[in-house]
Amino acid sequence: MAKGALYVISAPSGAGKSTLINRIRPMFPDMLYSISCTTRSPRKDEAQGVDYFFVSREQFKSMIKNNEFLEWKEVHGNLYGTPAAFVSEAVDSGRSVILDIDVEGAREVFSKFKGAVGIFITVPNMAVLEERLRSRGTDSEASIRIRMINAGHEMELAPVFRYQVVNDRLDNAVEELASILNEQTSRCWK
């Protein structure tokens, strides 16, 4: 049986990664979507086992100790991690997986999964990114400044990804991302 592919999709906060992935998922119903574990509380409209696996800090630390994560990180005081067993079992059984992850976590995944296909979602420029962050209305001024600084560092790491998709207009970015996934999927099954 052929192994499935692992698609690692990353972006700076505000680049529209989650929106793009949510638009892509129905187009690729046979692909699995890896759900991260987190210690943060659910946001409005987030569901356990759909958006994240919400666990206590104690549970998360036990999972770290048991080496249950492909990667994990603390972000703004909350822990996030990708369950290793889910990804490995799916790929080994021939299923392809989309992994929505931060840039540092993606680099760690690339070191463990040599065949992982990296796709970096970016924005046309930093002004567009700042405008998107502000339009959310959920971040303080200090938080926006921190996110902008972090985004600059993350965009410097974009060259470690095989593909870069500029999210200038959602429809264009969806089309480009779908094209990459179609191309890569056809290569896997030849």
Protein backbone atom coordinates (compact mmCIF):
# COMPACT_ATOMS: atom_id res chain seq x y z
CA MET A 1 0.00 0.00 0.00
CA ALA A 2 1.30 3.44 -0.91
CA LYS A 3 1.83 5.92 1.88
CA GLY A 4 -0.29 9.03 2.03
CA ALA A 5 1.12 12.54 1.80
CA LEU A 6 1.58 15.03 4.60
CA TYR A 7 0.77 18.63 3.64
CA VAL A 8 2.14 21.12 6.14
CA ILE A 9 0.41 24.49 5.75
CA SER A 10 1.71 27.44 7.71
CA ALA A 11 1.38 31.23 7.78
CA PRO A 12 1.87 34.23 10.00
CA SER A 13 -1.16 35.11 12.13
CA GLY A 14 -3.63 37.10 10.03
CA ALA A 15 -2.56 35.74 6.64
CA GLY A 16 -5.82 33.82 6.28
CA LYS A 17 -4.51 30.27 6.64
CA SER A 18 -7.53 28.93 8.55
CA THR A 19 -9.97 30.55 6.13
CA LEU A 20 -8.12 29.03 3.17
CA ILE A 21 -7.98 25.58 4.72
CA ASN A 22 -11.68 25.70 5.56
CA ARG A 23 -12.43 26.55 1.92
CA ILE A 24 -10.12 23.79 0.64
CA ARG A 25 -11.28 20.95 2.88
CA PRO A 26 -14.60 20.27 1.05
CA MET A 27 -12.68 20.12 -2.25
CA PHE A 28 -10.53 17.25 -0.93
CA PRO A 29 -12.91 15.07 1.12
CA ASP A 30 -10.50 12.10 1.17
CA MET A 31 -7.81 14.11 2.95
CA LEU A 32 -7.74 14.12 6.71
CA TYR A 33 -7.26 17.27 8.73
CA SER A 34 -4.99 17.00 11.75
CA ILE A 35 -6.52 18.50 14.86
CA SER A 36 -4.14 19.95 17.44
CA CYS A 37 -4.39 19.64 21.21
CA THR A 38 -4.42 22.87 23.18
CA THR A 39 -4.68 24.08 26.74
CA ARG A 40 -6.53 27.25 25.81
CA SER A 41 -10.27 27.62 26.26
CA PRO A 42 -12.54 27.18 23.25
CA ARG A 43 -13.46 30.34 21.39
CA LYS A 44 -16.98 31.06 20.24
CA ASP A 45 -18.08 28.48 17.66
CA GLU A 46 -15.13 26.11 18.33
CA ALA A 47 -15.98 22.50 19.09
CA GLN A 48 -14.07 19.78 20.93
CA GLY A 49 -12.65 17.27 18.45
CA VAL A 50 -13.53 19.44 15.45
CA ASP A 51 -11.38 22.53 15.85
CA TYR A 52 -9.07 21.37 18.65
CA PHE A 53 -8.80 18.80 21.39
CA PHE A 54 -9.10 21.00 24.47
CA VAL A 55 -7.12 19.50 27.37
CA SER A 56 -5.88 20.66 30.74
CA ARG A 57 -2.31 21.82 31.21
CA GLU A 58 -1.68 18.71 33.31
CA GLN A 59 -2.98 16.43 30.53
CA PHE A 60 -0.84 18.24 27.98
CA LYS A 61 2.30 17.94 30.11
CA SER A 62 1.63 14.22 30.55
CA MET A 63 1.36 13.91 26.75
CA ILE A 64 4.72 15.71 26.38
CA LYS A 65 6.29 13.35 28.90
CA ASN A 66 4.90 10.36 26.97
CA ASN A 67 6.30 11.76 23.69
CA GLU A 68 2.82 11.86 22.13
CA PHE A 69 3.38 14.98 20.01
CA LEU A 70 4.90 15.33 16.57
CA GLU A 71 5.67 18.87 17.71
CA TRP A 72 4.43 21.20 20.41
CA LYS A 73 4.85 24.82 21.43
CA GLU A 74 3.72 27.37 23.97
CA VAL A 75 2.13 30.43 22.38
CA HIS A 76 0.83 33.38 24.43
CA GLY A 77 0.72 31.18 27.54
CA ASN A 78 -1.19 28.32 25.92
CA LEU A 79 0.21 24.97 24.80
CA TYR A 80 -0.46 23.58 21.32
CA GLY A 81 0.65 20.23 19.92
CA THR A 82 0.10 17.85 17.02
CA PRO A 83 -0.76 14.27 18.00
CA ALA A 84 1.98 12.14 16.41
CA ALA A 85 0.00 8.89 16.34
CA PHE A 86 -2.85 10.39 14.31
CA VAL A 87 -0.53 11.74 11.61
CA SER A 88 1.71 8.65 11.42
CA GLU A 89 -1.16 6.16 11.36
CA ALA A 90 -3.05 8.09 8.67
CA VAL A 91 -0.02 8.54 6.38
CA ASP A 92 1.10 4.92 6.89
CA SER A 93 -2.40 3.67 5.97
CA GLY A 94 -2.33 5.61 2.67
CA ARG A 95 -4.39 8.62 3.74
CA SER A 96 -3.17 12.15 3.07
CA VAL A 97 -3.22 14.65 5.91
CA ILE A 98 -3.41 18.44 5.98
CA LEU A 99 -1.53 19.85 8.95
CA ASP A 100 -2.35 23.47 9.91
CA ILE A 101 0.62 24.58 11.98
CA ASP A 102 2.84 27.50 13.01
CA VAL A 103 6.14 28.07 11.19
CA GLU A 104 8.43 26.79 13.96
CA GLY A 105 6.33 23.65 14.37
CA ALA A 106 6.46 23.13 10.60
CA ARG A 107 10.25 23.17 10.67
CA GLU A 108 10.20 20.49 13.35
CA VAL A 109 7.77 18.38 11.29
CA PHE A 110 10.01 18.73 8.22
CA SER A 111 12.90 17.26 10.23
CA LYS A 112 10.76 14.21 11.14
CA PHE A 113 8.77 13.69 7.91
CA LYS A 114 11.26 14.09 5.06
CA GLY A 115 8.56 13.82 2.37
CA ALA A 116 6.25 16.43 3.89
CA VAL A 117 5.05 19.04 1.40
CA GLY A 118 5.40 22.53 2.89
CA ILE A 119 3.01 25.27 1.79
CA PHE A 120 3.45 28.78 3.19
CA ILE A 121 0.53 31.22 3.05
CA THR A 122 1.66 34.82 2.95
CA VAL A 123 0.21 38.26 2.28
CA PRO A 124 1.20 40.80 -0.39
CA ASN A 125 2.86 43.04 2.21
CA MET A 126 3.00 43.87 5.91
CA ALA A 127 0.46 46.71 5.59
CA VAL A 128 -2.17 44.22 4.38
CA LEU A 129 -1.34 41.92 7.28
CA GLU A 130 -1.69 44.74 9.81
CA GLU A 131 -5.01 45.78 8.27
CA ARG A 132 -6.33 42.20 8.56
CA LEU A 133 -5.24 41.90 12.18
CA ARG A 134 -6.89 45.22 13.06
CA SER A 135 -10.12 44.32 11.22
CA ARG A 136 -10.61 41.30 13.48
CA GLY A 137 -11.20 43.63 16.41
CA THR A 138 -10.00 40.97 18.86
CA ASP A 139 -6.43 42.08 19.56
CA SER A 140 -5.10 44.91 21.67
CA GLU A 141 -2.64 47.39 20.20
CA ALA A 142 0.21 45.65 22.04
CA SER A 143 -0.90 42.25 20.74
CA ILE A 144 -1.01 43.55 17.16
CA ARG A 145 2.54 44.92 17.50
CA ILE A 146 3.77 41.55 18.82
CA ARG A 147 1.97 39.66 16.04
CA MET A 148 3.51 41.97 13.43
CA ILE A 149 7.02 41.42 14.81
CA ASN A 150 6.42 37.65 14.91
CA ALA A 151 5.03 37.73 11.36
CA GLY A 152 8.20 39.43 10.10
CA HIS A 153 10.31 36.65 11.61
CA GLU A 154 7.98 33.95 10.26
CA MET A 155 8.06 35.39 6.75
CA GLU A 156 11.87 35.20 6.83
CA LEU A 157 11.47 31.41 7.21
CA ALA A 158 9.17 31.06 4.18
CA PRO A 159 11.98 29.70 1.95
CA VAL A 160 12.00 26.39 3.92
CA PHE A 161 8.57 25.66 2.39
CA ARG A 162 8.32 24.09 -1.07
CA TYR A 163 5.43 26.35 -2.12
CA GLN A 164 4.33 29.87 -1.28
CA VAL A 165 0.77 31.06 -1.84
CA VAL A 166 0.11 34.80 -1.67
CA ASN A 167 -3.30 35.42 -0.15
CA ASP A 168 -4.01 38.65 -1.97
CA ARG A 169 -7.59 37.67 -2.82
CA LEU A 170 -9.25 34.67 -1.23
CA ASP A 171 -10.53 33.15 -4.50
CA ASN A 172 -7.08 33.40 -6.11
CA ALA A 173 -5.39 31.85 -3.08
CA VAL A 174 -7.95 29.02 -2.90
CA GLU A 175 -7.40 28.27 -6.59
CA GLU A 176 -3.61 28.24 -6.19
CA LEU A 177 -3.70 26.07 -3.07
CA ALA A 178 -6.12 23.62 -4.72
CA SER A 179 -3.83 23.45 -7.75
CA ILE A 180 -0.83 22.57 -5.54
CA LEU A 181 -2.78 19.88 -3.69
CA ASN A 182 -4.12 18.42 -6.97
CA GLU A 183 -0.62 18.36 -8.48
CA GLN A 184 0.95 16.77 -5.42
CA THR A 185 -1.89 14.25 -5.01
CA SER A 186 -1.54 13.11 -8.62
CA ARG A 187 2.22 12.62 -8.09
CA CYS A 188 1.59 10.46 -5.00
CA TRP A 189 -0.65 8.05 -6.88
CA LYS A 190 1.38 7.63 -10.08
